[in-house]
Protein backbone atom coordinates (compact mmCIF):
# COMPACT_ATOMS: atom_id res chain seq x y z
CA MET A 1 23.75 17.03 37.45
CA LEU A 2 23.50 20.44 38.80
CA LEU A 3 22.09 21.23 42.04
CA ILE A 4 19.63 24.26 41.91
CA GLN A 5 19.66 26.17 45.09
CA GLY A 6 18.32 29.30 44.31
CA ILE A 7 17.00 31.09 40.52
CA GLY A 8 18.15 34.55 39.36
CA LEU A 9 15.98 36.88 36.89
CA PRO A 10 18.05 39.88 36.20
CA ALA A 11 15.65 42.44 34.50
CA ASP A 12 16.44 45.56 32.52
CA TYR A 13 12.59 46.91 31.34
CA ASP A 14 11.53 49.94 29.93
CA ASP A 15 8.25 49.99 30.79
CA GLY A 16 6.59 46.92 32.60
CA PHE A 17 6.37 43.54 32.27
CA ILE A 18 5.09 40.24 34.39
CA ALA A 19 7.05 36.35 34.43
CA TYR A 20 5.12 33.12 34.47
CA LEU A 21 7.86 30.16 34.83
CA ASN A 22 5.50 26.47 34.62
CA GLY A 23 2.61 29.05 34.53
CA THR A 24 2.83 30.53 37.60
CA GLU A 25 3.93 33.87 38.38
CA VAL A 26 7.10 35.01 39.46
CA ALA A 27 7.68 38.74 38.90
CA ARG A 28 5.63 41.47 38.04
CA ARG A 29 7.05 45.28 37.98
CA ASN A 30 5.52 48.68 37.26
CA LEU A 31 1.89 47.08 36.17
CA PRO A 32 -1.22 46.82 38.11
CA GLY A 33 -2.76 44.46 40.26
CA GLY A 34 -5.38 41.75 39.57
CA ALA A 35 -5.74 39.39 35.53
CA ILE A 36 -3.15 40.98 33.14
CA SER A 37 -3.72 40.70 29.45
CA TYR A 38 -2.31 42.66 26.30
CA THR A 39 -4.23 45.85 26.80
CA ASN A 40 -2.70 46.66 29.64
CA THR A 41 -0.42 49.60 30.20
CA ALA A 42 2.49 49.55 32.38
CA LEU A 43 1.90 52.24 35.72
CA SER A 44 4.70 55.11 34.94
CA ASN A 45 7.62 55.17 32.76
CA HIS A 46 10.41 53.55 33.84
CA GLU A 47 13.62 54.08 31.54
CA ALA A 48 16.04 50.99 30.63
CA SER A 49 19.96 50.68 31.90
CA ARG A 50 20.65 52.50 28.60
CA GLY A 51 17.96 54.62 27.77
CA THR A 52 18.31 57.83 27.25
CA GLY A 53 14.44 58.67 27.89
CA ALA A 54 12.46 61.46 29.75
CA SER A 55 13.12 60.00 32.79
CA SER A 56 16.60 58.59 34.80
CA PRO A 57 17.69 54.95 33.40
CA GLN A 58 17.53 52.99 36.08
CA GLU A 59 19.91 49.36 37.30
CA TRP A 60 19.61 46.07 35.56
CA GLU A 61 16.89 44.82 38.47
CA PHE A 62 17.92 41.66 40.03
CA ILE A 63 14.84 39.56 41.53
CA ALA A 64 15.11 36.21 42.89
CA LEU A 65 12.87 33.23 41.68
CA ASP A 66 11.34 30.81 44.19
CA LYS A 67 13.03 27.56 43.31
CA SER A 68 9.46 25.70 44.35
CA ALA A 69 8.26 26.51 40.94
CA LEU A 70 10.58 24.34 39.05
CA THR A 71 9.78 20.73 37.78
CA ASN A 72 11.58 17.63 36.89
CA GLY A 73 12.20 18.05 33.43
CA THR A 74 11.29 20.91 30.87
CA ASN A 75 10.29 24.29 32.31
CA VAL A 76 8.88 27.16 30.52
CA LEU A 77 10.00 31.14 31.40
CA ALA A 78 7.27 32.80 29.75
CA VAL A 79 7.19 36.61 30.02
CA SER A 80 4.88 39.81 28.69
CA GLY A 81 6.24 42.69 28.67
CA HIS A 82 3.89 45.87 28.64
CA ASN A 83 4.81 49.87 27.27
CA PHE A 84 3.03 53.03 29.36
CA SER A 85 1.10 54.05 26.49
CA LEU A 86 0.71 53.55 22.53
CA GLY A 87 1.99 56.49 21.25
CA SER A 88 5.59 56.01 23.48
CA SER A 89 8.62 55.96 21.12
CA ASP A 90 10.48 53.07 22.72
CA PHE A 91 10.31 49.83 24.64
CA SER A 92 13.11 47.01 25.80
CA LEU A 93 12.90 44.28 27.94
CA SER A 94 16.29 42.68 28.32
CA LEU A 95 16.34 39.18 30.60
CA LYS A 96 18.53 36.51 32.13
CA LEU A 97 18.44 33.70 33.82
CA TYR A 98 20.70 32.39 36.54
CA THR A 99 20.78 29.51 38.98
CA ASN A 100 22.54 29.25 42.11
CA VAL A 101 24.74 32.72 41.87
CA THR A 102 26.84 34.27 39.20
CA LEU A 103 29.82 36.89 39.40
CA VAL A 104 28.43 39.75 36.97
CA ARG A 105 31.07 41.81 37.71
CA GLY A 106 34.72 42.26 39.03
CA PRO A 107 35.98 41.12 41.17
CA PHE A 108 37.95 45.38 41.31
CA VAL A 109 41.12 46.79 43.50
CA GLN A 110 39.92 49.95 45.45
CA MET A 111 41.33 51.81 47.93
CA PRO A 112 45.50 50.83 48.03
CA LYS A 113 47.00 52.29 51.39
CA THR A 114 50.28 50.96 53.02
CA ASN A 115 48.74 47.98 54.26
CA ALA A 116 45.20 47.23 53.09
CA VAL A 117 43.10 47.27 50.01
CA THR A 118 39.50 47.05 49.50
CA VAL A 119 37.95 44.19 46.81
CA VAL A 120 34.84 44.59 45.39
CA TRP A 121 32.53 42.73 43.00
CA ARG A 122 28.45 41.98 42.10
CA THR A 123 26.44 39.08 42.15
CA ASP A 124 23.25 38.35 40.70
CA ALA A 125 21.68 36.82 43.77
CA LEU A 126 21.86 37.88 47.11
CA THR A 127 24.71 35.92 48.82
CA ASP A 128 27.53 36.20 51.48
CA SER A 129 31.15 37.83 50.72
CA VAL A 130 34.29 35.76 51.35
CA VAL A 131 37.80 36.61 50.00
CA GLU A 132 40.88 33.86 50.55
CA TYR A 133 44.59 35.98 49.95
CA GLY A 134 47.99 34.62 49.91
CA SER A 135 51.77 35.04 48.70
CA ASN A 136 50.40 32.21 46.68
CA THR A 137 47.67 29.71 45.33
CA ASN A 138 47.03 28.39 48.00
CA TYR A 139 45.59 31.36 49.83
CA SER A 140 46.50 30.67 52.84
CA ASP A 141 47.68 34.17 54.29
CA GLY A 142 44.64 35.28 55.51
CA ILE A 143 40.30 35.24 54.42
CA VAL A 144 37.79 38.01 55.45
CA SER A 145 34.04 37.29 55.27
CA ASN A 146 31.28 38.55 55.99
CA GLY A 147 28.05 37.20 56.43
CA SER A 148 25.55 39.99 55.52
CA LEU A 149 23.32 38.98 51.90
CA VAL A 150 24.24 41.62 49.24
CA THR A 151 24.71 41.85 45.34
CA GLU A 152 27.16 44.59 46.14
CA HIS A 153 30.37 42.92 47.73
CA VAL A 154 33.16 45.39 49.92
CA VAL A 155 35.76 43.56 51.84
CA ASP A 156 38.65 44.81 53.02
CA LEU A 157 41.57 42.99 53.67
CA GLU A 158 44.11 44.74 55.66
CA ASN A 159 48.01 44.05 57.58
CA LEU A 160 48.75 43.23 54.35
CA SER A 161 52.66 43.31 53.53
CA ALA A 162 54.48 45.91 51.54
CA GLY A 163 56.13 45.11 48.36
CA THR A 164 54.24 41.59 48.17
CA ASN A 165 52.16 39.89 45.16
CA TYR A 166 49.24 38.81 46.38
CA PHE A 167 46.97 36.11 44.72
CA TYR A 168 43.11 36.28 46.19
CA ARG A 169 39.55 34.61 45.52
CA LEU A 170 36.10 34.97 45.80
CA ARG A 171 34.02 32.79 47.55
CA SER A 172 30.01 33.62 48.01
CA GLY A 173 27.30 30.89 49.01
CA GLY A 174 30.12 28.32 49.89
CA ALA A 175 31.53 28.28 46.18
CA ILE A 176 34.36 29.46 44.02
CA LEU A 177 32.96 32.49 41.88
CA ALA A 178 36.64 33.90 40.94
CA GLU A 179 40.35 32.70 41.47
CA GLY A 180 43.92 33.73 40.35
CA ALA A 181 43.91 36.96 40.89
CA THR A 182 46.47 39.12 41.66
CA PHE A 183 47.62 42.54 43.42
CA GLN A 184 50.73 44.07 44.73
CA MET A 185 51.35 46.24 47.76
CA ARG A 186 54.17 49.25 46.95
CA LYS A 187 56.48 49.53 48.88
CA THR A 188 56.28 52.34 51.64
CA ASN A 189 57.33 55.96 49.57
CA SER A 190 58.76 54.18 46.64
CA SER A 191 58.67 55.11 42.62
CA PHE A 192 55.17 53.90 41.22
CA SER A 193 53.85 54.44 37.95
CA MET A 194 50.23 55.00 36.90
CA VAL A 195 48.23 55.85 33.35
CA VAL A 196 45.63 58.74 32.83
CA PHE A 197 42.83 59.20 30.51
CA GLY A 198 39.29 60.12 29.98
CA ASP A 199 36.57 60.54 27.06
CA PHE A 200 36.75 56.49 26.66
CA GLY A 201 33.63 55.12 27.19
CA ALA A 202 32.14 55.67 23.82
CA GLY A 203 31.84 52.16 22.63
CA THR A 204 34.32 52.77 19.54
CA SER A 205 37.52 50.39 17.75
CA ALA A 206 39.80 53.09 18.97
CA MET A 207 39.00 52.43 22.60
CA SER A 208 39.26 49.25 22.50
CA ASN A 209 42.86 49.35 20.94
CA ILE A 210 43.50 51.36 24.01
CA ALA A 211 42.04 48.83 26.56
CA ASP A 212 44.14 46.08 25.01
CA GLN A 213 47.50 48.33 25.33
CA VAL A 214 47.06 49.16 29.46
CA ASN A 215 45.34 45.57 30.15
CA ALA A 216 49.42 44.64 28.60
CA LEU A 217 51.06 46.72 31.42
CA THR A 218 52.01 44.81 34.12
CA ASN A 219 54.37 47.22 35.68
CA ILE A 220 51.18 49.85 36.42
CA ASP A 221 50.15 50.88 40.25
CA LEU A 222 47.33 53.32 39.25
CA TRP A 223 44.42 54.36 36.94
CA LEU A 224 43.13 58.01 36.98
CA THR A 225 40.55 58.78 34.66
CA VAL A 226 39.52 62.64 33.69
CA GLY A 227 35.79 62.44 33.17
CA ASP A 228 33.49 61.26 29.75
CA ASN A 229 33.74 57.63 30.83
CA ILE A 230 30.36 56.91 29.14
CA TYR A 231 29.04 57.89 26.64
CA ASN A 232 26.59 59.48 26.04
CA ASP A 233 25.12 60.57 29.23
CA GLY A 234 26.88 58.10 31.90
CA GLN A 235 23.67 55.56 31.61
CA PRO A 236 24.40 52.58 34.09
CA GLY A 237 24.02 49.92 31.97
CA LEU A 238 27.07 51.23 29.85
CA TYR A 239 29.46 50.41 33.08
CA ASP A 240 29.25 47.10 32.07
CA PRO A 241 30.00 47.05 28.08
CA ARG A 242 32.42 50.10 28.09
CA TRP A 243 34.20 50.01 30.72
CA PHE A 244 33.78 47.25 33.81
CA SER A 245 34.60 44.58 31.32
CA MET A 246 36.54 46.48 28.88
CA TYR A 247 39.12 47.32 32.12
CA GLY A 248 38.13 44.21 33.67
CA PRO A 249 42.77 42.59 33.60
CA THR A 250 43.87 46.26 34.29
CA MET A 251 41.01 46.45 37.67
CA GLN A 252 41.66 43.18 39.35
CA ARG A 253 44.97 44.41 39.82
CA ILE A 254 44.98 48.01 40.76
CA PRO A 255 42.72 50.64 41.81
CA VAL A 256 41.26 53.08 39.29
CA PHE A 257 40.32 56.29 40.64
CA PRO A 258 38.01 58.55 38.53
CA THR A 259 36.97 62.12 37.93
CA LEU A 260 33.58 62.78 36.08
CA GLY A 261 32.63 64.17 33.02
CA ASN A 262 29.86 67.24 31.74
CA HIS A 263 28.21 63.29 30.31
CA ASP A 264 28.87 60.95 33.04
CA ILE A 265 26.58 63.28 35.42
CA ASN A 266 23.73 63.52 32.53
CA SER A 267 22.55 60.22 34.25
CA VAL A 268 21.39 60.91 38.30
CA THR A 269 24.19 64.39 38.41
CA GLY A 270 26.79 61.48 37.95
CA ASN A 271 26.51 58.96 41.52
CA TRP A 272 26.41 55.44 39.76
CA PHE A 273 30.32 55.42 39.92
CA ALA A 274 29.91 56.09 43.52
CA GLN A 275 27.54 53.43 43.95
CA TYR A 276 29.68 50.89 42.04
CA LEU A 277 33.44 51.79 43.18
CA GLN A 278 35.17 52.82 46.57
CA MET A 279 36.70 56.06 46.49
CA PRO A 280 37.95 58.10 49.41
CA THR A 281 35.27 60.45 51.30
CA ASN A 282 37.50 63.32 53.10
CA GLY A 283 35.67 65.53 50.27
CA PRO A 284 33.98 68.39 50.66
CA ALA A 285 30.38 66.78 52.98
CA SER A 286 28.22 68.29 49.83
CA ALA A 287 30.14 66.31 47.54
CA LEU A 288 31.40 63.38 48.53
CA GLU A 289 33.38 60.76 46.31
CA LYS A 290 33.11 63.17 43.69
CA ASN A 291 35.95 65.07 44.99
CA TYR A 292 38.11 63.36 47.18
CA SER A 293 42.24 62.74 47.78
CA PHE A 294 44.80 60.63 48.29
CA ASP A 295 48.11 59.61 48.75
CA TYR A 296 50.34 56.76 46.88
CA GLY A 297 54.07 56.64 47.66
CA ASN A 298 55.65 60.30 47.76
CA ALA A 299 52.55 61.60 45.89
CA HIS A 300 49.76 63.17 46.78
CA PHE A 301 46.41 63.02 44.46
CA LEU A 302 43.49 65.96 44.21
CA ALA A 303 40.43 64.32 42.07
CA ILE A 304 38.04 67.23 41.63
CA ASP A 305 34.44 67.63 39.98
CA SER A 306 34.89 70.53 37.86
CA ASN A 307 31.67 70.48 36.86
CA PRO A 308 29.91 72.74 39.17
CA PHE A 309 32.83 75.28 38.01
CA ASN A 310 31.60 74.40 34.34
CA LEU A 311 27.79 75.38 35.22
CA ASN A 312 28.65 77.97 37.89
CA GLN A 313 27.08 76.24 41.16
CA THR A 314 28.41 78.92 43.41
CA SER A 315 28.15 77.24 46.47
CA THR A 316 29.46 73.79 45.62
CA ILE A 317 32.67 76.12 44.11
CA ALA A 318 32.04 77.84 47.26
CA ALA A 319 33.22 74.29 49.05
CA ILE A 320 35.08 73.06 46.89
CA ARG A 321 37.52 76.03 47.15
CA GLN A 322 37.75 75.35 51.10
CA TRP A 323 38.28 71.89 50.77
CA VAL A 324 41.25 72.12 48.25
CA THR A 325 42.90 74.86 50.21
CA ASN A 326 42.81 72.76 53.58
CA ASP A 327 44.15 69.64 51.83
CA LEU A 328 46.74 71.13 50.00
CA ALA A 329 47.92 73.06 52.98
CA ALA A 330 47.56 69.51 55.37
CA THR A 331 49.95 67.25 52.82
CA GLU A 332 54.02 66.91 52.88
CA LYS A 333 54.47 64.70 49.98
CA THR A 334 57.14 65.39 47.50
CA TRP A 335 55.02 65.06 44.32
CA LYS A 336 51.29 66.82 43.98
CA PHE A 337 49.19 66.00 41.16
CA ALA A 338 45.15 67.34 40.44
CA PHE A 339 43.03 65.70 37.94
CA PHE A 340 39.43 66.84 36.14
CA HIS A 341 37.88 67.38 33.35
CA HIS A 342 37.17 70.72 31.97
CA PRO A 343 40.75 71.88 31.03
CA PRO A 344 41.61 75.93 32.17
CA TYR A 345 44.39 76.46 29.41
CA THR A 346 43.95 74.63 25.96
CA SER A 347 44.23 75.00 22.18
CA THR A 348 40.63 76.11 20.97
CA GLY A 349 38.71 73.36 18.71
CA GLY A 350 36.06 71.29 20.28
CA HIS A 351 36.23 73.46 23.38
CA ASP A 352 38.03 76.13 24.71
CA ASP A 353 39.49 77.51 28.26
CA ASP A 354 37.40 77.11 30.75
CA GLU A 355 37.31 79.99 32.85
CA SER A 356 35.84 79.39 35.90
CA VAL A 357 38.23 76.57 36.12
CA LYS A 358 40.55 79.33 35.04
CA THR A 359 39.39 81.45 37.89
CA ASN A 360 38.09 79.82 40.81
CA LEU A 361 40.89 76.67 41.54
CA MET A 362 43.78 77.17 39.52
CA PRO A 363 45.06 79.64 41.64
CA LEU A 364 44.29 77.44 45.04
CA LEU A 365 46.32 74.96 43.11
CA GLU A 366 49.10 76.97 42.44
CA ALA A 367 49.70 78.35 45.71
CA GLY A 368 49.31 74.38 47.10
CA GLY A 369 52.02 73.67 45.07
CA VAL A 370 51.02 71.49 42.96
CA GLN A 371 53.01 70.45 40.14
CA MET A 372 51.11 69.02 37.42
CA ILE A 373 47.23 68.95 36.19
CA PHE A 374 45.33 65.91 34.35
CA ASP A 375 42.14 67.43 32.40
CA GLY A 376 40.25 65.93 29.49
CA HIS A 377 37.61 66.93 27.68
CA GLN A 378 39.50 68.32 24.77
CA HIS A 379 39.46 65.03 22.32
CA TRP A 380 43.10 64.79 22.16
CA TYR A 381 46.66 64.98 23.87
CA GLU A 382 48.22 67.98 24.76
CA ARG A 383 51.19 69.39 26.98
CA MET A 384 51.41 73.23 28.17
CA ASN A 385 54.67 74.76 28.63
CA PRO A 386 54.39 75.50 32.90
CA ILE A 387 52.19 78.09 33.26
CA ASN A 388 52.78 80.04 36.59
CA GLY A 389 54.53 76.99 37.32
CA VAL A 390 52.07 73.84 36.64
CA TYR A 391 52.29 71.42 33.77
CA HIS A 392 48.58 71.03 31.87
CA ILE A 393 48.47 67.74 30.59
CA THR A 394 45.79 66.68 28.49
CA THR A 395 44.90 63.59 28.16
CA GLY A 396 41.24 63.47 26.48
CA ALA A 397 41.95 61.14 23.76
CA GLY A 398 41.32 57.80 25.12
CA GLY A 399 38.23 56.42 22.89
CA ALA A 400 35.73 58.73 21.69
CA SER A 401 36.04 60.60 18.53
CA LEU A 402 38.73 63.08 18.24
CA TYR A 403 39.07 66.93 17.93
CA THR A 404 40.35 68.79 15.01
CA PRO A 405 42.09 72.11 16.58
CA THR A 406 40.92 75.40 15.11
CA SER A 407 44.59 77.27 16.33
CA ILE A 408 47.35 75.99 18.57
CA GLU A 409 47.92 78.11 21.95
CA SER A 410 51.94 79.55 21.81
CA TYR A 411 52.54 77.50 24.89
CA SER A 412 51.27 74.25 23.93
CA ALA A 413 54.66 72.10 23.81
CA LYS A 414 53.52 69.03 22.70
CA PHE A 415 49.98 68.38 20.41
CA GLU A 416 48.96 65.21 18.76
CA TYR A 417 44.87 64.85 17.55
CA SER A 418 45.39 62.44 15.16
CA VAL A 419 45.49 59.15 16.83
CA HIS A 420 44.17 58.05 19.55
CA SER A 421 46.48 57.61 23.07
CA TYR A 422 46.97 57.47 26.95
CA SER A 423 49.49 59.29 29.64
CA TYR A 424 52.06 56.22 31.15
CA LEU A 425 54.09 58.56 34.34
CA GLU A 426 56.69 57.06 36.03
CA ILE A 427 57.14 58.69 39.35
CA ASP A 428 59.80 58.24 41.71
CA ASP A 429 61.62 60.70 44.30
CA THR A 430 62.72 63.35 42.36
CA ARG A 431 62.12 62.52 39.06
CA LEU A 432 58.92 62.40 37.11
CA VAL A 433 59.11 61.03 32.83
CA LEU A 434 55.76 61.34 31.35
CA ARG A 435 55.35 59.40 27.21
CA GLN A 436 51.91 59.39 25.62
CA ILE A 437 51.18 55.86 24.30
CA ASP A 438 49.07 55.78 20.80
CA LYS A 439 46.36 53.21 20.27
CA ASN A 440 49.18 51.12 18.69
CA GLY A 441 51.63 50.62 21.21
């Protein structure tokens, strides 16, 4: 027998609805007060999570229901959906029903440090956050808890031992939500490996092929994205099917560091990923979490939002430029990498060189000693011969439809546009090895 302690009704709607449990109203959204009939229209436009209408798409809404409305035996949930107008071009209503507390996203590992990581996950209902961890599945090394009732859970694990493989599990509301997940704490300044790619969140079979390849890698430490994580408009309702669920096996053991592409900013200027993931907050104040830097091993990384350069947003460009200059002046790491979406140098076909990135950003990165830059936007793989001492790697073949070049630049060293692929790098004190792996491995 299932002991029901609570009921959750996640709802994704365009434009409004009213729900009844055993004839009693239990939820009403975007509808007028009083009795509701089939002739009532919604109060305003409310775009669903995957929508591309006149208003910005909204997240699934997690609604807690009063369990006292339940009866022994059969229970009936009835829902009436309402559009904003008879002339509306679309209508949608998606509902789920959960009992007690359900894990609906994650867990993911974020924010790696020498002796700490952050674990994030999402539940359908407001509940506490507990992570138990250890060097084996007894999870006896430590427990971290937060009694605040939330659906977006963020827990920091600290005082961890370098070089140790940790198992961890989640508890919420006293119940185990997930167990058996692992992450490894790297040794200080040790060698590491990473994958880099972008332009992937398109819901294609090629995207699934790349995900299968990456999820099968057991020896990687980082994942960087070069933008266009969610096609076509960065809608919040597509993050789970096209990113988080698909790459869940990877994200539960290594951190992902994303950047924004031009498609990602079409919904709430790209702020969704900053709500869902934990990124450093050391970037310019006007663009926190969209621009940030971090260290890993003997390397320093700059994640840069190149959209302001492409859109000629002068004040934001000035803030990013100042931050880049200061940030690079402060690091003493051997390796320096930058990653963003719009390529300053590329063969043509699909897109051209981004002149603003080339003019406003590249001189700063070159002067600051950056040795390699990763970008996307072009749906192919291209490695340039060094330009002003910097290697440029375009790795935008992560899943969206590939582009065909119209001309290949003389400084292009390696070019592949006929197959989807991702970049795989191994880095130690003095040596970097770059391989490009296609969707078939």
